[in-house]
């Protein structure tokens, strides 16, 4: 579905991400791992069209850069870390904002039946339907992040880009969010590219792991062939030993 070839991008100076190539198939969940400052968020921003880039960037055979902004938003949706809710929207109104890319006359054109169904389906999938009349400023962090996820789903993209969406969430909400994303991506015609800070969470969620180091791809392998020992060099520590030592506390 998604093909990235020799992609380089940055912020106007030397490229932060250099010569990155990978493919994501239909139904696949690809997780990007790497230390702080290696270019993970920069890569996602380039995919979302928020940063200039060079190289191949195709979705379903279409050049993403050549697409109008609204059309691109129908193909890719970016969900970032939890951020405070600045306005007193209701949950329903907040999720309806995700339909902007599908409303020909913009948000002032009114809701269509398709808009209402997409919003309800997204609220139901994320377990936030009962919260639809609540103000987003009255929600807990876990509830708010599920609402943001519902808004992302309401956009009805083919690919969801995740930029550490579980940061600042407690364990229960982290697991719930990942389970919801797994369900969403199981529908034909969808895929997920995610940056997850928690290594265990990423390995539990991913079909494929991409290791990014100093802006370049160190490895990109399916989980059944992925060598966990590669994480040691990437993070500069014995990751396996640390995980095993931590696990022993539960024995």
C-alpha atoms as a PDB file:
ATOM      1  CA  UNK A   1       0.000   0.000   0.000  1.00  0.00           C
ATOM      2  CA  UNK A   2       2.681   2.490   1.055  1.00  0.00           C
ATOM      3  CA  UNK A   3       6.022   2.693  -0.720  1.00  0.00           C
ATOM      4  CA  UNK A   4       8.824   4.935   0.515  1.00  0.00           C
ATOM      5  CA  UNK A   5      12.008   5.074  -1.538  1.00  0.00           C
ATOM      6  CA  UNK A   6      15.272   6.884  -0.756  1.00  0.00           C
ATOM      7  CA  UNK A   7      13.422   9.479   1.319  1.00  0.00           C
ATOM      8  CA  UNK A   8      15.390  12.351   2.840  1.00  0.00           C
ATOM      9  CA  UNK A   9      13.908  15.199   4.862  1.00  0.00           C
ATOM     10  CA  UNK A  10      14.691  17.762   7.543  1.00  0.00           C
ATOM     11  CA  UNK A  11      14.135  21.312   8.669  1.00  0.00           C
ATOM     12  CA  UNK A  12      16.012  23.385   6.112  1.00  0.00           C
ATOM     13  CA  UNK A  13      19.563  22.417   7.061  1.00  0.00           C
ATOM     14  CA  UNK A  14      21.297  19.063   6.596  1.00  0.00           C
ATOM     15  CA  UNK A  15      18.779  16.190   6.289  1.00  0.00           C
ATOM     16  CA  UNK A  16      17.667  14.653   9.584  1.00  0.00           C
ATOM     17  CA  UNK A  17      16.381  11.544   7.813  1.00  0.00           C
ATOM     18  CA  UNK A  18      18.533  10.197   4.978  1.00  0.00           C
ATOM     19  CA  UNK A  19      17.869   7.691   2.199  1.00  0.00           C
ATOM     20  CA  UNK A  20      15.083   5.812   3.995  1.00  0.00           C
ATOM     21  CA  UNK A  21      13.242   3.079   2.073  1.00  0.00           C
ATOM     22  CA  UNK A  22      10.506   0.679   3.160  1.00  0.00           C
ATOM     23  CA  UNK A  23       7.133  -0.745   2.104  1.00  0.00           C
ATOM     24  CA  UNK A  24       3.976  -1.358   4.105  1.00  0.00           C
ATOM     25  CA  UNK A  25       1.491  -3.922   2.859  1.00  0.00           C
ATOM     26  CA  UNK A  26      -2.258  -3.976   3.296  1.00  0.00           C
ATOM     27  CA  UNK A  27      -3.161  -4.932   6.871  1.00  0.00           C
ATOM     28  CA  UNK A  28       0.427  -4.535   8.055  1.00  0.00           C
ATOM     29  CA  UNK A  29       1.487  -2.761  11.242  1.00  0.00           C
ATOM     30  CA  UNK A  30       5.002  -1.356  10.968  1.00  0.00           C
ATOM     31  CA  UNK A  31       6.624   0.064  14.096  1.00  0.00           C
ATOM     32  CA  UNK A  32       9.654   2.361  14.049  1.00  0.00           C
ATOM     33  CA  UNK A  33      12.102   2.033  16.928  1.00  0.00           C
ATOM     34  CA  UNK A  34      15.141   4.123  17.710  1.00  0.00           C
ATOM     35  CA  UNK A  35      16.743   6.333  20.354  1.00  0.00           C
ATOM     36  CA  UNK A  36      15.723   9.927  20.989  1.00  0.00           C
ATOM     37  CA  UNK A  37      16.756  12.265  18.197  1.00  0.00           C
ATOM     38  CA  UNK A  38      17.170   9.569  15.548  1.00  0.00           C
ATOM     39  CA  UNK A  39      14.519  11.094  13.247  1.00  0.00           C
ATOM     40  CA  UNK A  40      11.399   9.047  13.996  1.00  0.00           C
ATOM     41  CA  UNK A  41       9.005  11.989  14.365  1.00  0.00           C
ATOM     42  CA  UNK A  42      10.670  13.827  11.478  1.00  0.00           C
ATOM     43  CA  UNK A  43      10.015  10.836   9.223  1.00  0.00           C
ATOM     44  CA  UNK A  44       6.330  10.690  10.194  1.00  0.00           C
ATOM     45  CA  UNK A  45       5.925  14.432   9.630  1.00  0.00           C
ATOM     46  CA  UNK A  46       7.380  14.073   6.152  1.00  0.00           C
ATOM     47  CA  UNK A  47       4.984  11.210   5.375  1.00  0.00           C
ATOM     48  CA  UNK A  48       2.093  13.369   6.554  1.00  0.00           C
ATOM     49  CA  UNK A  49       3.181  16.199   4.254  1.00  0.00           C
ATOM     50  CA  UNK A  50       4.169  18.524   7.085  1.00  0.00           C
ATOM     51  CA  UNK A  51       7.831  18.706   6.017  1.00  0.00           C
ATOM     52  CA  UNK A  52       9.453  18.997   2.585  1.00  0.00           C
ATOM     53  CA  UNK A  53      11.173  15.832   1.426  1.00  0.00           C
ATOM     54  CA  UNK A  54      12.966  14.220  -1.502  1.00  0.00           C
ATOM     55  CA  UNK A  55      12.516  10.680  -2.766  1.00  0.00           C
ATOM     56  CA  UNK A  56       9.606   8.391  -3.580  1.00  0.00           C
ATOM     57  CA  UNK A  57       6.449   8.576  -1.488  1.00  0.00           C
ATOM     58  CA  UNK A  58       3.549   6.590  -2.934  1.00  0.00           C
ATOM     59  CA  UNK A  59       0.245   5.295  -1.584  1.00  0.00           C
ATOM     60  CA  UNK A  60      -1.629   2.798  -3.722  1.00  0.00           C
ATOM     61  CA  UNK A  61       0.571   3.771  -6.667  1.00  0.00           C
ATOM     62  CA  UNK A  62      -0.227   7.493  -6.346  1.00  0.00           C
ATOM     63  CA  UNK A  63       2.442  10.102  -5.698  1.00  0.00           C
ATOM     64  CA  UNK A  64       1.477  11.557  -2.316  1.00  0.00           C
ATOM     65  CA  UNK A  65       3.235  14.855  -2.987  1.00  0.00           C
ATOM     66  CA  UNK A  66       1.188  15.422  -6.137  1.00  0.00           C
ATOM     67  CA  UNK A  67      -2.130  15.055  -4.307  1.00  0.00           C
ATOM     68  CA  UNK A  68      -4.162  18.056  -3.098  1.00  0.00           C
ATOM     69  CA  UNK A  69      -4.075  18.449   0.689  1.00  0.00           C
ATOM     70  CA  UNK A  70      -7.641  17.242   1.124  1.00  0.00           C
ATOM     71  CA  UNK A  71      -7.073  14.153  -1.024  1.00  0.00           C
ATOM     72  CA  UNK A  72      -3.871  13.350   0.859  1.00  0.00           C
ATOM     73  CA  UNK A  73      -5.777  13.592   4.154  1.00  0.00           C
ATOM     74  CA  UNK A  74      -8.145  10.916   2.852  1.00  0.00           C
ATOM     75  CA  UNK A  75      -5.190   8.584   2.489  1.00  0.00           C
ATOM     76  CA  UNK A  76      -3.042   9.380   5.555  1.00  0.00           C
ATOM     77  CA  UNK A  77      -3.922  10.520   9.068  1.00  0.00           C
ATOM     78  CA  UNK A  78      -1.365  11.490  11.720  1.00  0.00           C
ATOM     79  CA  UNK A  79      -2.094  10.929  15.405  1.00  0.00           C
ATOM     80  CA  UNK A  80       0.413  12.466  17.803  1.00  0.00           C
ATOM     81  CA  UNK A  81       1.108  12.414  21.520  1.00  0.00           C
ATOM     82  CA  UNK A  82      -1.581  13.489  23.950  1.00  0.00           C
ATOM     83  CA  UNK A  83      -2.080  17.260  23.935  1.00  0.00           C
ATOM     84  CA  UNK A  84      -4.389  19.396  26.079  1.00  0.00           C
ATOM     85  CA  UNK A  85      -7.861  20.140  24.700  1.00  0.00           C
ATOM     86  CA  UNK A  86      -7.973  23.883  24.076  1.00  0.00           C
ATOM     87  CA  UNK A  87     -11.659  24.348  23.211  1.00  0.00           C
ATOM     88  CA  UNK A  88     -14.959  23.320  24.766  1.00  0.00           C
ATOM     89  CA  UNK A  89     -16.052  21.030  21.941  1.00  0.00           C
ATOM     90  CA  UNK A  90     -18.273  18.127  22.749  1.00  0.00           C
ATOM     91  CA  UNK A  91     -16.743  14.712  22.064  1.00  0.00           C
ATOM     92  CA  UNK A  92     -19.082  14.315  19.085  1.00  0.00           C
ATOM     93  CA  UNK A  93     -18.038  17.697  17.647  1.00  0.00           C
ATOM     94  CA  UNK A  94     -14.368  16.953  18.167  1.00  0.00           C
ATOM     95  CA  UNK A  95     -14.622  13.675  16.272  1.00  0.00           C
ATOM     96  CA  UNK A  96     -16.672  15.322  13.498  1.00  0.00           C
ATOM     97  CA  UNK A  97     -13.625  17.531  12.818  1.00  0.00           C
ATOM     98  CA  UNK A  98     -12.035  14.404  11.353  1.00  0.00           C
ATOM     99  CA  UNK A  99     -14.571  14.534   8.510  1.00  0.00           C
ATOM    100  CA  UNK A 100     -13.259  17.823   7.122  1.00  0.00           C
ATOM    101  CA  UNK A 101     -11.336  16.120   4.304  1.00  0.00           C
ATOM    102  CA  UNK A 102     -14.573  14.523   3.060  1.00  0.00           C
ATOM    103  CA  UNK A 103     -16.820  17.610   3.210  1.00  0.00           C
ATOM    104  CA  UNK A 104     -16.759  19.391  -0.139  1.00  0.00           C
ATOM    105  CA  UNK A 105     -17.932  22.708   1.234  1.00  0.00           C
ATOM    106  CA  UNK A 106     -15.827  22.515   4.401  1.00  0.00           C
ATOM    107  CA  UNK A 107     -17.116  22.211   7.944  1.00  0.00           C
ATOM    108  CA  UNK A 108     -19.731  24.925   7.400  1.00  0.00           C
ATOM    109  CA  UNK A 109     -21.402  22.850   4.676  1.00  0.00           C
ATOM    110  CA  UNK A 110     -23.177  20.688   7.262  1.00  0.00           C
ATOM    111  CA  UNK A 111     -22.985  17.025   8.179  1.00  0.00           C
ATOM    112  CA  UNK A 112     -23.957  14.341   5.690  1.00  0.00           C
ATOM    113  CA  UNK A 113     -25.342  10.944   6.580  1.00  0.00           C
ATOM    114  CA  UNK A 114     -21.951   9.463   5.677  1.00  0.00           C
ATOM    115  CA  UNK A 115     -20.284  11.901   8.104  1.00  0.00           C
ATOM    116  CA  UNK A 116     -22.621  10.957  10.936  1.00  0.00           C
ATOM    117  CA  UNK A 117     -22.145   7.228  10.313  1.00  0.00           C
ATOM    118  CA  UNK A 118     -18.340   7.569  10.203  1.00  0.00           C
ATOM    119  CA  UNK A 119     -18.355   9.485  13.484  1.00  0.00           C
ATOM    120  CA  UNK A 120     -20.681   7.029  15.222  1.00  0.00           C
ATOM    121  CA  UNK A 121     -18.686   4.030  13.980  1.00  0.00           C
ATOM    122  CA  UNK A 122     -15.454   5.631  15.207  1.00  0.00           C
ATOM    123  CA  UNK A 123     -16.923   6.446  18.608  1.00  0.00           C
ATOM    124  CA  UNK A 124     -18.244   2.904  18.957  1.00  0.00           C
ATOM    125  CA  UNK A 125     -14.918   1.341  17.956  1.00  0.00           C
ATOM    126  CA  UNK A 126     -12.977   3.418  20.487  1.00  0.00           C
ATOM    127  CA  UNK A 127     -15.509   2.904  23.279  1.00  0.00           C
ATOM    128  CA  UNK A 128     -16.329   6.612  23.495  1.00  0.00           C
ATOM    129  CA  UNK A 129     -19.930   6.618  22.210  1.00  0.00           C
ATOM    130  CA  UNK A 130     -21.298   7.096  25.725  1.00  0.00           C
ATOM    131  CA  UNK A 131     -19.086  10.177  26.079  1.00  0.00           C
ATOM    132  CA  UNK A 132     -20.369  11.861  22.908  1.00  0.00           C
ATOM    133  CA  UNK A 133     -22.141  14.720  24.729  1.00  0.00           C
ATOM    134  CA  UNK A 134     -19.337  15.383  27.227  1.00  0.00           C
ATOM    135  CA  UNK A 135     -16.972  18.322  26.765  1.00  0.00           C
ATOM    136  CA  UNK A 136     -13.459  17.264  25.810  1.00  0.00           C
ATOM    137  CA  UNK A 137     -12.081  19.558  28.528  1.00  0.00           C
ATOM    138  CA  UNK A 138     -13.794  17.338  31.121  1.00  0.00           C
ATOM    139  CA  UNK A 139     -12.165  14.076  30.034  1.00  0.00           C
ATOM    140  CA  UNK A 140      -9.297  12.162  31.584  1.00  0.00           C
ATOM    141  CA  UNK A 141      -6.097  11.740  29.608  1.00  0.00           C
ATOM    142  CA  UNK A 142      -6.980   8.193  28.578  1.00  0.00           C
ATOM    143  CA  UNK A 143     -10.484   9.177  27.496  1.00  0.00           C
ATOM    144  CA  UNK A 144      -9.190  12.170  25.558  1.00  0.00           C
ATOM    145  CA  UNK A 145      -6.631  10.113  23.659  1.00  0.00           C
ATOM    146  CA  UNK A 146      -9.341   7.627  22.651  1.00  0.00           C
ATOM    147  CA  UNK A 147     -11.414  10.566  21.382  1.00  0.00           C
ATOM    148  CA  UNK A 148      -8.430  11.760  19.325  1.00  0.00           C
ATOM    149  CA  UNK A 149      -8.114   8.231  17.968  1.00  0.00           C
ATOM    150  CA  UNK A 150     -11.817   8.264  17.063  1.00  0.00           C
ATOM    151  CA  UNK A 151     -11.273  11.550  15.213  1.00  0.00           C
ATOM    152  CA  UNK A 152      -8.394   9.919  13.316  1.00  0.00           C
ATOM    153  CA  UNK A 153     -10.607   6.969  12.353  1.00  0.00           C
ATOM    154  CA  UNK A 154     -13.440   9.305  11.305  1.00  0.00           C
ATOM    155  CA  UNK A 155     -11.041  10.779   8.756  1.00  0.00           C
ATOM    156  CA  UNK A 156     -11.328   7.336   7.106  1.00  0.00           C
ATOM    157  CA  UNK A 157      -7.692   7.124   5.969  1.00  0.00           C
ATOM    158  CA  UNK A 158      -6.005   4.149   4.389  1.00  0.00           C
ATOM    159  CA  UNK A 159      -2.993   4.547   6.667  1.00  0.00           C
ATOM    160  CA  UNK A 160      -2.699   5.840  10.219  1.00  0.00           C
ATOM    161  CA  UNK A 161       0.614   7.365  11.279  1.00  0.00           C
ATOM    162  CA  UNK A 162       1.208   7.153  15.029  1.00  0.00           C
ATOM    163  CA  UNK A 163       3.682   9.423  16.794  1.00  0.00           C
ATOM    164  CA  UNK A 164       4.039   7.944  20.286  1.00  0.00           C
ATOM    165  CA  UNK A 165       0.279   8.089  20.996  1.00  0.00           C
ATOM    166  CA  UNK A 166       0.592   6.110  24.250  1.00  0.00           C
ATOM    167  CA  UNK A 167       2.974   8.555  25.948  1.00  0.00           C
ATOM    168  CA  UNK A 168       1.581   9.886  29.244  1.00  0.00           C
ATOM    169  CA  UNK A 169      -1.053   7.129  29.371  1.00  0.00           C
ATOM    170  CA  UNK A 170      -1.244   4.538  32.126  1.00  0.00           C
ATOM    171  CA  UNK A 171      -0.794   0.855  31.265  1.00  0.00           C
ATOM    172  CA  UNK A 172      -4.489   0.067  30.897  1.00  0.00           C
ATOM    173  CA  UNK A 173      -5.068   2.841  28.346  1.00  0.00           C
ATOM    174  CA  UNK A 174      -1.879   1.944  26.469  1.00  0.00           C
ATOM    175  CA  UNK A 175      -3.083  -1.635  25.986  1.00  0.00           C
ATOM    176  CA  UNK A 176      -6.614  -0.496  25.074  1.00  0.00           C
ATOM    177  CA  UNK A 177      -5.304   1.927  22.462  1.00  0.00           C
ATOM    178  CA  UNK A 178      -3.123  -0.735  20.851  1.00  0.00           C
ATOM    179  CA  UNK A 179      -5.989  -3.261  20.829  1.00  0.00           C
ATOM    180  CA  UNK A 180      -8.274  -0.724  19.131  1.00  0.00           C
ATOM    181  CA  UNK A 181      -5.628  -0.008  16.489  1.00  0.00           C
ATOM    182  CA  UNK A 182      -5.153  -3.723  15.892  1.00  0.00           C
ATOM    183  CA  UNK A 183      -8.900  -4.089  15.281  1.00  0.00           C
ATOM    184  CA  UNK A 184      -8.994  -1.070  12.963  1.00  0.00           C
ATOM    185  CA  UNK A 185      -6.060  -2.251  10.850  1.00  0.00           C
ATOM    186  CA  UNK A 186      -7.619  -5.699  10.336  1.00  0.00           C
ATOM    187  CA  UNK A 187     -10.139  -4.198   7.877  1.00  0.00           C
ATOM    188  CA  UNK A 188      -8.976  -4.602   4.248  1.00  0.00           C
ATOM    189  CA  UNK A 189      -7.355  -1.575   2.669  1.00  0.00           C
ATOM    190  CA  UNK A 190      -5.716  -0.254   5.840  1.00  0.00           C
ATOM    191  CA  UNK A 191      -2.273  -0.202   7.418  1.00  0.00           C
ATOM    192  CA  UNK A 192      -0.461   1.451  10.339  1.00  0.00           C
ATOM    193  CA  UNK A 193       2.974   3.044  10.633  1.00  0.00           C
ATOM    194  CA  UNK A 194       3.763   3.828  14.243  1.00  0.00           C
ATOM    195  CA  UNK A 195       6.423   5.213  16.526  1.00  0.00           C
ATOM    196  CA  UNK A 196       5.982   3.693  19.985  1.00  0.00           C
ATOM    197  CA  UNK A 197       8.278   4.656  22.850  1.00  0.00           C
ATOM    198  CA  UNK A 198       7.677   1.429  24.797  1.00  0.00           C
ATOM    199  CA  UNK A 199       9.715  -1.381  23.200  1.00  0.00           C
ATOM    200  CA  UNK A 200       7.548  -4.179  24.624  1.00  0.00           C
ATOM    201  CA  UNK A 201       4.383  -2.474  23.397  1.00  0.00           C
ATOM    202  CA  UNK A 202       5.877  -1.968  19.945  1.00  0.00           C
ATOM    203  CA  UNK A 203       7.021  -5.588  19.643  1.00  0.00           C
ATOM    204  CA  UNK A 204       3.592  -6.822  20.767  1.00  0.00           C
ATOM    205  CA  UNK A 205       1.838  -4.663  18.182  1.00  0.00           C
ATOM    206  CA  UNK A 206       4.136  -4.789  15.164  1.00  0.00           C
ATOM    207  CA  UNK A 207       4.125  -7.157  12.212  1.00  0.00           C
ATOM    208  CA  UNK A 208       7.304  -5.482  10.987  1.00  0.00           C
ATOM    209  CA  UNK A 209       9.998  -3.532  12.859  1.00  0.00           C
ATOM    210  CA  UNK A 210      12.051  -0.727  11.338  1.00  0.00           C
ATOM    211  CA  UNK A 211      15.128   0.358  13.294  1.00  0.00           C
ATOM    212  CA  UNK A 212      16.172   3.970  12.725  1.00  0.00           C
ATOM    213  CA  UNK A 213      19.626   5.131  13.797  1.00  0.00           C
ATOM    214  CA  UNK A 214      20.961   8.664  13.183  1.00  0.00           C
ATOM    215  CA  UNK A 215      18.341   9.184  10.491  1.00  0.00           C
ATOM    216  CA  UNK A 216      19.121   6.021   8.517  1.00  0.00           C
ATOM    217  CA  UNK A 217      17.533   2.567   8.401  1.00  0.00           C
ATOM    218  CA  UNK A 218      19.548   0.057  10.402  1.00  0.00           C
ATOM    219  CA  UNK A 219      17.141  -2.818   9.692  1.00  0.00           C
ATOM    220  CA  UNK A 220      13.583  -3.484   8.541  1.00  0.00           C
ATOM    221  CA  UNK A 221      12.394  -7.012   9.240  1.00  0.00           C
ATOM    222  CA  UNK A 222       9.148  -8.907   9.899  1.00  0.00           C
ATOM    223  CA  UNK A 223       8.745  -9.907  13.537  1.00  0.00           C
ATOM    224  CA  UNK A 224       9.274 -13.619  12.836  1.00  0.00           C
ATOM    225  CA  UNK A 225      12.759 -12.848  11.463  1.00  0.00           C
ATOM    226  CA  UNK A 226      13.675  -9.903  13.648  1.00  0.00           C
ATOM    227  CA  UNK A 227      16.864 -10.347  15.710  1.00  0.00           C
ATOM    228  CA  UNK A 228      16.217  -8.781  19.122  1.00  0.00           C
ATOM    229  CA  UNK A 229      19.969  -8.541  19.699  1.00  0.00           C
ATOM    230  CA  UNK A 230      20.038  -5.650  17.224  1.00  0.00           C
ATOM    231  CA  UNK A 231      18.342  -3.511  19.863  1.00  0.00           C
ATOM    232  CA  UNK A 232      21.494  -3.647  22.008  1.00  0.00           C
ATOM    233  CA  UNK A 233      23.554  -1.693  19.512  1.00  0.00           C
ATOM    234  CA  UNK A 234      20.698   0.654  18.713  1.00  0.00           C
ATOM    235  CA  UNK A 235      20.149   1.707  22.340  1.00  0.00           C
ATOM    236  CA  UNK A 236      23.701   1.218  23.580  1.00  0.00           C
ATOM    237  CA  UNK A 237      22.775  -1.255  26.317  1.00  0.00           C
ATOM    238  CA  UNK A 238      21.908  -4.907  26.912  1.00  0.00           C
ATOM    239  CA  UNK A 239      18.186  -4.578  26.257  1.00  0.00           C
ATOM    240  CA  UNK A 240      17.399  -8.288  26.626  1.00  0.00           C
ATOM    241  CA  UNK A 241      19.158  -8.525  29.999  1.00  0.00           C
ATOM    242  CA  UNK A 242      17.335  -5.422  31.243  1.00  0.00           C
ATOM    243  CA  UNK A 243      13.961  -6.824  30.169  1.00  0.00           C
ATOM    244  CA  UNK A 244      14.680 -10.223  31.753  1.00  0.00           C
ATOM    245  CA  UNK A 245      15.829  -8.639  35.018  1.00  0.00           C
ATOM    246  CA  UNK A 246      12.685  -6.534  35.151  1.00  0.00           C
ATOM    247  CA  UNK A 247      10.481  -9.560  34.395  1.00  0.00           C
ATOM    248  CA  UNK A 248      12.014 -11.509  37.302  1.00  0.00           C
ATOM    249  CA  UNK A 249      10.356  -9.080  39.706  1.00  0.00           C
ATOM    250  CA  UNK A 250       7.046 -10.750  38.781  1.00  0.00           C
ATOM    251  CA  UNK A 251       8.271 -14.251  39.635  1.00  0.00           C
END
